[in-house]
Every structure is written in structure tokens, then in C-alpha cells.
Amino acid sequence: MKLFPELASLEIQDQRKDICKECDYRNGDICSECGCFITLKVKFLKSKCPKNKWPTVTENNSNS
């Protein structure tokens, strides 16, 4: 049993941040669609964009 969620690689985090920077649902550092803080949400491997704008990531294709 894992105690902490798995982190995404820095590359994946950067890709997600870049996508969010251009998103119409971004309001500062908050996603107005899901209410999450973007700088935190991008860090977790299994996080998903509520509008499906992020590429799908699994433990096998991440570099974390």
C-alpha cells in the first residue's frame, strides 16, 4: 500500500503547466472547471484535466 501519491516527472509537469497556461478555464493558478490549484495538480501522476486536455499518463510511460 502506497502512503503518498506518485509524482509525475518534471517533464510531464511542465507539459501540463504549458497546456494550462493557454486554457480558457484557468483563473490565475486555479482551474475554474474543477477548482484545483494548477501548480499542485500538475505534480501528481494520476491527476487528470477535467476537460481531457492533458495526455494520458501511466506509471509505465512516466519518467518519475
PDB file of N, CA and C in Angstrom:
ATOM      1  N   MET A   1       0.834  -1.185   0.000  1.00  0.00           N
ATOM      2  CA  MET A   1       0.000   0.000   0.000  1.00  0.00           C
ATOM      3  C   MET A   1       0.879   1.249   0.000  1.00  0.00           C
ATOM      4  N   LYS A   2       0.634   2.148  -0.934  1.00  0.00           N
ATOM      5  CA  LYS A   2       1.394   3.392  -1.020  1.00  0.00           C
ATOM      6  C   LYS A   2       0.780   4.427  -0.077  1.00  0.00           C
ATOM      7  N   LEU A   3       1.646   5.113   0.646  1.00  0.00           N
ATOM      8  CA  LEU A   3       1.172   6.148   1.555  1.00  0.00           C
ATOM      9  C   LEU A   3       1.006   7.501   0.876  1.00  0.00           C
ATOM     10  N   PHE A   4       1.801   7.739  -0.151  1.00  0.00           N
ATOM     11  CA  PHE A   4       1.773   9.020  -0.840  1.00  0.00           C
ATOM     12  C   PHE A   4       1.512   8.812  -2.321  1.00  0.00           C
ATOM     13  N   PRO A   5       0.797   9.753  -2.957  1.00  0.00           N
ATOM     14  CA  PRO A   5       0.563   9.617  -4.402  1.00  0.00           C
ATOM     15  C   PRO A   5       1.871   9.744  -5.171  1.00  0.00           C
ATOM     16  N   GLU A   6       1.940   9.045  -6.283  1.00  0.00           N
ATOM     17  CA  GLU A   6       3.138   9.073  -7.124  1.00  0.00           C
ATOM     18  C   GLU A   6       3.229  10.412  -7.860  1.00  0.00           C
ATOM     19  N   LEU A   7       4.438  10.954  -7.904  1.00  0.00           N
ATOM     20  CA  LEU A   7       4.641  12.236  -8.570  1.00  0.00           C
ATOM     21  C   LEU A   7       4.958  12.044 -10.047  1.00  0.00           C
ATOM     22  N   ALA A   8       4.489  12.970 -10.861  1.00  0.00           N
ATOM     23  CA  ALA A   8       4.807  12.977 -12.290  1.00  0.00           C
ATOM     24  C   ALA A   8       6.228  13.489 -12.468  1.00  0.00           C
ATOM     25  N   SER A   9       6.860  13.112 -13.554  1.00  0.00           N
ATOM     26  CA  SER A   9       8.199  13.617 -13.856  1.00  0.00           C
ATOM     27  C   SER A   9       8.125  15.126 -14.085  1.00  0.00           C
ATOM     28  N   LEU A  10       9.254  15.793 -13.974  1.00  0.00           N
ATOM     29  CA  LEU A  10       9.289  17.236 -14.212  1.00  0.00           C
ATOM     30  C   LEU A  10       8.873  17.574 -15.639  1.00  0.00           C
ATOM     31  N   GLU A  11       9.219  16.705 -16.579  1.00  0.00           N
ATOM     32  CA  GLU A  11       8.823  16.910 -17.974  1.00  0.00           C
ATOM     33  C   GLU A  11       7.299  16.906 -18.127  1.00  0.00           C
ATOM     34  N   ILE A  12       6.656  15.953 -17.504  1.00  0.00           N
ATOM     35  CA  ILE A  12       5.192  15.870 -17.567  1.00  0.00           C
ATOM     36  C   ILE A  12       4.567  17.070 -16.869  1.00  0.00           C
ATOM     37  N   GLN A  13       5.114  17.451 -15.729  1.00  0.00           N
ATOM     38  CA  GLN A  13       4.597  18.619 -15.011  1.00  0.00           C
ATOM     39  C   GLN A  13       4.684  19.866 -15.876  1.00  0.00           C
ATOM     40  N   ASP A  14       5.817  20.046 -16.556  1.00  0.00           N
ATOM     41  CA  ASP A  14       5.992  21.208 -17.430  1.00  0.00           C
ATOM     42  C   ASP A  14       5.012  21.185 -18.603  1.00  0.00           C
ATOM     43  N   GLN A  15       4.795  20.009 -19.184  1.00  0.00           N
ATOM     44  CA  GLN A  15       3.845  19.888 -20.293  1.00  0.00           C
ATOM     45  C   GLN A  15       2.448  20.284 -19.834  1.00  0.00           C
ATOM     46  N   ARG A  16       2.067  19.805 -18.670  1.00  0.00           N
ATOM     47  CA  ARG A  16       0.739  20.115 -18.138  1.00  0.00           C
ATOM     48  C   ARG A  16       0.603  21.616 -17.863  1.00  0.00           C
ATOM     49  N   LYS A  17       1.622  22.210 -17.254  1.00  0.00           N
ATOM     50  CA  LYS A  17       1.579  23.653 -16.964  1.00  0.00           C
ATOM     51  C   LYS A  17       1.443  24.459 -18.246  1.00  0.00           C
ATOM     52  N   ASP A  18       2.172  24.060 -19.290  1.00  0.00           N
ATOM     53  CA  ASP A  18       2.089  24.762 -20.568  1.00  0.00           C
ATOM     54  C   ASP A  18       0.685  24.689 -21.154  1.00  0.00           C
ATOM     55  N   ILE A  19       0.058  23.532 -21.034  1.00  0.00           N
ATOM     56  CA  ILE A  19      -1.316  23.373 -21.524  1.00  0.00           C
ATOM     57  C   ILE A  19      -2.257  24.269 -20.729  1.00  0.00           C
ATOM     58  N   CYS A  20      -2.083  24.279 -19.427  1.00  0.00           N
ATOM     59  CA  CYS A  20      -2.957  25.081 -18.563  1.00  0.00           C
ATOM     60  C   CYS A  20      -2.770  26.582 -18.793  1.00  0.00           C
ATOM     61  N   LYS A  21      -1.553  27.007 -19.116  1.00  0.00           N
ATOM     62  CA  LYS A  21      -1.297  28.434 -19.356  1.00  0.00           C
ATOM     63  C   LYS A  21      -2.166  28.973 -20.491  1.00  0.00           C
ATOM     64  N   GLU A  22      -2.473  28.126 -21.460  1.00  0.00           N
ATOM     65  CA  GLU A  22      -3.257  28.540 -22.634  1.00  0.00           C
ATOM     66  C   GLU A  22      -4.754  28.253 -22.485  1.00  0.00           C
ATOM     67  N   CYS A  23      -5.164  27.677 -21.372  1.00  0.00           N
ATOM     68  CA  CYS A  23      -6.546  27.212 -21.204  1.00  0.00           C
ATOM     69  C   CYS A  23      -7.497  28.337 -20.804  1.00  0.00           C
ATOM     70  N   ASP A  24      -8.668  28.336 -21.402  1.00  0.00           N
ATOM     71  CA  ASP A  24      -9.703  29.325 -21.086  1.00  0.00           C
ATOM     72  C   ASP A  24     -10.286  29.137 -19.688  1.00  0.00           C
ATOM     73  N   TYR A  25     -10.108  27.972 -19.093  1.00  0.00           N
ATOM     74  CA  TYR A  25     -10.654  27.687 -17.762  1.00  0.00           C
ATOM     75  C   TYR A  25      -9.697  28.072 -16.639  1.00  0.00           C
ATOM     76  N   ARG A  26      -8.509  28.558 -16.981  1.00  0.00           N
ATOM     77  CA  ARG A  26      -7.532  28.976 -15.968  1.00  0.00           C
ATOM     78  C   ARG A  26      -7.904  30.354 -15.447  1.00  0.00           C
ATOM     79  N   ASN A  27      -7.921  30.472 -14.139  1.00  0.00           N
ATOM     80  CA  ASN A  27      -8.172  31.752 -13.488  1.00  0.00           C
ATOM     81  C   ASN A  27      -7.052  31.963 -12.484  1.00  0.00           C
ATOM     82  N   GLY A  28      -5.967  32.596 -12.916  1.00  0.00           N
ATOM     83  CA  GLY A  28      -4.768  32.697 -12.075  1.00  0.00           C
ATOM     84  C   GLY A  28      -4.144  31.319 -11.957  1.00  0.00           C
ATOM     85  N   ASP A  29      -4.047  30.817 -10.732  1.00  0.00           N
ATOM     86  CA  ASP A  29      -3.495  29.476 -10.506  1.00  0.00           C
ATOM     87  C   ASP A  29      -4.589  28.450 -10.222  1.00  0.00           C
ATOM     88  N   ILE A  30      -5.829  28.810 -10.498  1.00  0.00           N
ATOM     89  CA  ILE A  30      -6.945  27.907 -10.205  1.00  0.00           C
ATOM     90  C   ILE A  30      -7.647  27.514 -11.495  1.00  0.00           C
ATOM     91  N   CYS A  31      -7.984  26.230 -11.587  1.00  0.00           N
ATOM     92  CA  CYS A  31      -8.798  25.737 -12.704  1.00  0.00           C
ATOM     93  C   CYS A  31     -10.252  26.013 -12.339  1.00  0.00           C
ATOM     94  N   SER A  32     -10.913  26.840 -13.122  1.00  0.00           N
ATOM     95  CA  SER A  32     -12.304  27.163 -12.803  1.00  0.00           C
ATOM     96  C   SER A  32     -13.257  26.010 -13.096  1.00  0.00           C
ATOM     97  N   GLU A  33     -12.790  24.995 -13.797  1.00  0.00           N
ATOM     98  CA  GLU A  33     -13.621  23.825 -14.095  1.00  0.00           C
ATOM     99  C   GLU A  33     -13.685  22.877 -12.900  1.00  0.00           C
ATOM    100  N   CYS A  34     -12.536  22.600 -12.268  1.00  0.00           N
ATOM    101  CA  CYS A  34     -12.525  21.645 -11.151  1.00  0.00           C
ATOM    102  C   CYS A  34     -12.215  22.294  -9.802  1.00  0.00           C
ATOM    103  N   GLY A  35     -11.705  23.539  -9.807  1.00  0.00           N
ATOM    104  CA  GLY A  35     -11.409  24.244  -8.570  1.00  0.00           C
ATOM    105  C   GLY A  35     -10.049  23.941  -7.966  1.00  0.00           C
ATOM    106  N   CYS A  36      -9.236  23.163  -8.663  1.00  0.00           N
ATOM    107  CA  CYS A  36      -7.914  22.782  -8.146  1.00  0.00           C
ATOM    108  C   CYS A  36      -6.887  23.885  -8.375  1.00  0.00           C
ATOM    109  N   PHE A  37      -5.864  23.892  -7.507  1.00  0.00           N
ATOM    110  CA  PHE A  37      -4.701  24.738  -7.725  1.00  0.00           C
ATOM    111  C   PHE A  37      -3.836  24.051  -8.771  1.00  0.00           C
ATOM    112  N   ILE A  38      -3.619  24.691  -9.877  1.00  0.00           N
ATOM    113  CA  ILE A  38      -2.915  24.099 -11.010  1.00  0.00           C
ATOM    114  C   ILE A  38      -1.495  23.685 -10.641  1.00  0.00           C
ATOM    115  N   THR A  39      -0.765  24.544  -9.913  1.00  0.00           N
ATOM    116  CA  THR A  39       0.628  24.222  -9.581  1.00  0.00           C
ATOM    117  C   THR A  39       0.740  22.976  -8.712  1.00  0.00           C
ATOM    118  N   LEU A  40      -0.305  22.630  -7.993  1.00  0.00           N
ATOM    119  CA  LEU A  40      -0.294  21.391  -7.205  1.00  0.00           C
ATOM    120  C   LEU A  40      -0.789  20.206  -8.023  1.00  0.00           C
ATOM    121  N   LYS A  41      -1.865  20.411  -8.753  1.00  0.00           N
ATOM    122  CA  LYS A  41      -2.474  19.313  -9.501  1.00  0.00           C
ATOM    123  C   LYS A  41      -1.540  18.714 -10.543  1.00  0.00           C
ATOM    124  N   VAL A  42      -0.721  19.535 -11.203  1.00  0.00           N
ATOM    125  CA  VAL A  42       0.161  19.032 -12.255  1.00  0.00           C
ATOM    126  C   VAL A  42       1.219  18.072 -11.713  1.00  0.00           C
ATOM    127  N   LYS A  43       1.484  18.123 -10.425  1.00  0.00           N
ATOM    128  CA  LYS A  43       2.552  17.321  -9.818  1.00  0.00           C
ATOM    129  C   LYS A  43       2.211  15.838  -9.647  1.00  0.00           C
ATOM    130  N   PHE A  44       0.934  15.509  -9.557  1.00  0.00           N
ATOM    131  CA  PHE A  44       0.543  14.139  -9.249  1.00  0.00           C
ATOM    132  C   PHE A  44       0.291  13.329 -10.518  1.00  0.00           C
ATOM    133  N   LEU A  45       0.949  12.196 -10.598  1.00  0.00           N
ATOM    134  CA  LEU A  45       0.927  11.371 -11.807  1.00  0.00           C
ATOM    135  C   LEU A  45      -0.486  11.056 -12.279  1.00  0.00           C
ATOM    136  N   LYS A  46      -1.360  10.693 -11.376  1.00  0.00           N
ATOM    137  CA  LYS A  46      -2.700  10.254 -11.777  1.00  0.00           C
ATOM    138  C   LYS A  46      -3.720  11.377 -11.869  1.00  0.00           C
ATOM    139  N   SER A  47      -3.280  12.628 -11.715  1.00  0.00           N
ATOM    140  CA  SER A  47      -4.194  13.756 -11.905  1.00  0.00           C
ATOM    141  C   SER A  47      -4.658  13.797 -13.352  1.00  0.00           C
ATOM    142  N   LYS A  48      -5.865  14.285 -13.539  1.00  0.00           N
ATOM    143  CA  LYS A  48      -6.418  14.397 -14.888  1.00  0.00           C
ATOM    144  C   LYS A  48      -7.036  15.764 -15.076  1.00  0.00           C
ATOM    145  N   CYS A  49      -6.958  16.256 -16.271  1.00  0.00           N
ATOM    146  CA  CYS A  49      -7.607  17.515 -16.630  1.00  0.00           C
ATOM    147  C   CYS A  49      -9.107  17.233 -16.794  1.00  0.00           C
ATOM    148  N   PRO A  50      -9.967  18.048 -16.191  1.00  0.00           N
ATOM    149  CA  PRO A  50     -11.406  17.799 -16.320  1.00  0.00           C
ATOM    150  C   PRO A  50     -11.920  17.993 -17.750  1.00  0.00           C
ATOM    151  N   LYS A  51     -11.150  18.638 -18.594  1.00  0.00           N
ATOM    152  CA  LYS A  51     -11.521  18.831 -19.997  1.00  0.00           C
ATOM    153  C   LYS A  51     -10.717  17.927 -20.932  1.00  0.00           C
ATOM    154  N   ASN A  52      -9.989  16.970 -20.344  1.00  0.00           N
ATOM    155  CA  ASN A  52      -9.192  15.989 -21.105  1.00  0.00           C
ATOM    156  C   ASN A  52      -8.169  16.635 -22.039  1.00  0.00           C
ATOM    157  N   LYS A  53      -7.548  17.715 -21.596  1.00  0.00           N
ATOM    158  CA  LYS A  53      -6.543  18.395 -22.417  1.00  0.00           C
ATOM    159  C   LYS A  53      -5.146  17.836 -22.190  1.00  0.00           C
ATOM    160  N   TRP A  54      -4.907  17.157 -21.078  1.00  0.00           N
ATOM    161  CA  TRP A  54      -3.593  16.575 -20.798  1.00  0.00           C
ATOM    162  C   TRP A  54      -3.483  15.206 -21.440  1.00  0.00           C
ATOM    163  N   PRO A  55      -2.306  14.849 -21.938  1.00  0.00           N
ATOM    164  CA  PRO A  55      -2.118  13.485 -22.439  1.00  0.00           C
ATOM    165  C   PRO A  55      -2.272  12.479 -21.296  1.00  0.00           C
ATOM    166  N   THR A  56      -2.750  11.308 -21.613  1.00  0.00           N
ATOM    167  CA  THR A  56      -2.884  10.252 -20.619  1.00  0.00           C
ATOM    168  C   THR A  56      -1.510   9.764 -20.195  1.00  0.00           C
ATOM    169  N   VAL A  57      -1.309   9.627 -18.896  1.00  0.00           N
ATOM    170  CA  VAL A  57      -0.026   9.190 -18.353  1.00  0.00           C
ATOM    171  C   VAL A  57      -0.268   7.986 -17.448  1.00  0.00           C
ATOM    172  N   THR A  58       0.592   6.992 -17.598  1.00  0.00           N
ATOM    173  CA  THR A  58       0.548   5.841 -16.713  1.00  0.00           C
ATOM    174  C   THR A  58       1.914   5.686 -16.056  1.00  0.00           C
ATOM    175  N   GLU A  59       1.979   4.832 -15.064  1.00  0.00           N
ATOM    176  CA  GLU A  59       3.248   4.589 -14.383  1.00  0.00           C
ATOM    177  C   GLU A  59       4.304   4.044 -15.349  1.00  0.00           C
ATOM    178  N   ASN A  60       3.887   3.320 -16.365  1.00  0.00           N
ATOM    179  CA  ASN A  60       4.828   2.712 -17.299  1.00  0.00           C
ATOM    180  C   ASN A  60       5.455   3.708 -18.274  1.00  0.00           C
ATOM    181  N   ASN A  61       4.735   4.800 -18.611  1.00  0.00           N
ATOM    182  CA  ASN A  61       5.300   5.734 -19.574  1.00  0.00           C
ATOM    183  C   ASN A  61       5.732   7.050 -18.943  1.00  0.00           C
ATOM    184  N   SER A  62       5.863   7.073 -17.626  1.00  0.00           N
ATOM    185  CA  SER A  62       6.384   8.262 -16.959  1.00  0.00           C
ATOM    186  C   SER A  62       7.851   8.036 -16.616  1.00  0.00           C
ATOM    187  N   ASN A  63       8.547   9.125 -16.376  1.00  0.00           N
ATOM    188  CA  ASN A  63       9.959   9.041 -16.009  1.00  0.00           C
ATOM    189  C   ASN A  63      10.186   9.448 -14.582  1.00  0.00           C
ATOM    190  N   SER A  64       9.204   9.254 -13.730  1.00  0.00           N
ATOM    191  CA  SER A  64       9.330   9.687 -12.343  1.00  0.00           C
ATOM    192  C   SER A  64      10.063   8.677 -11.500  1.00  0.00           C
TER     193      SER A  64
END
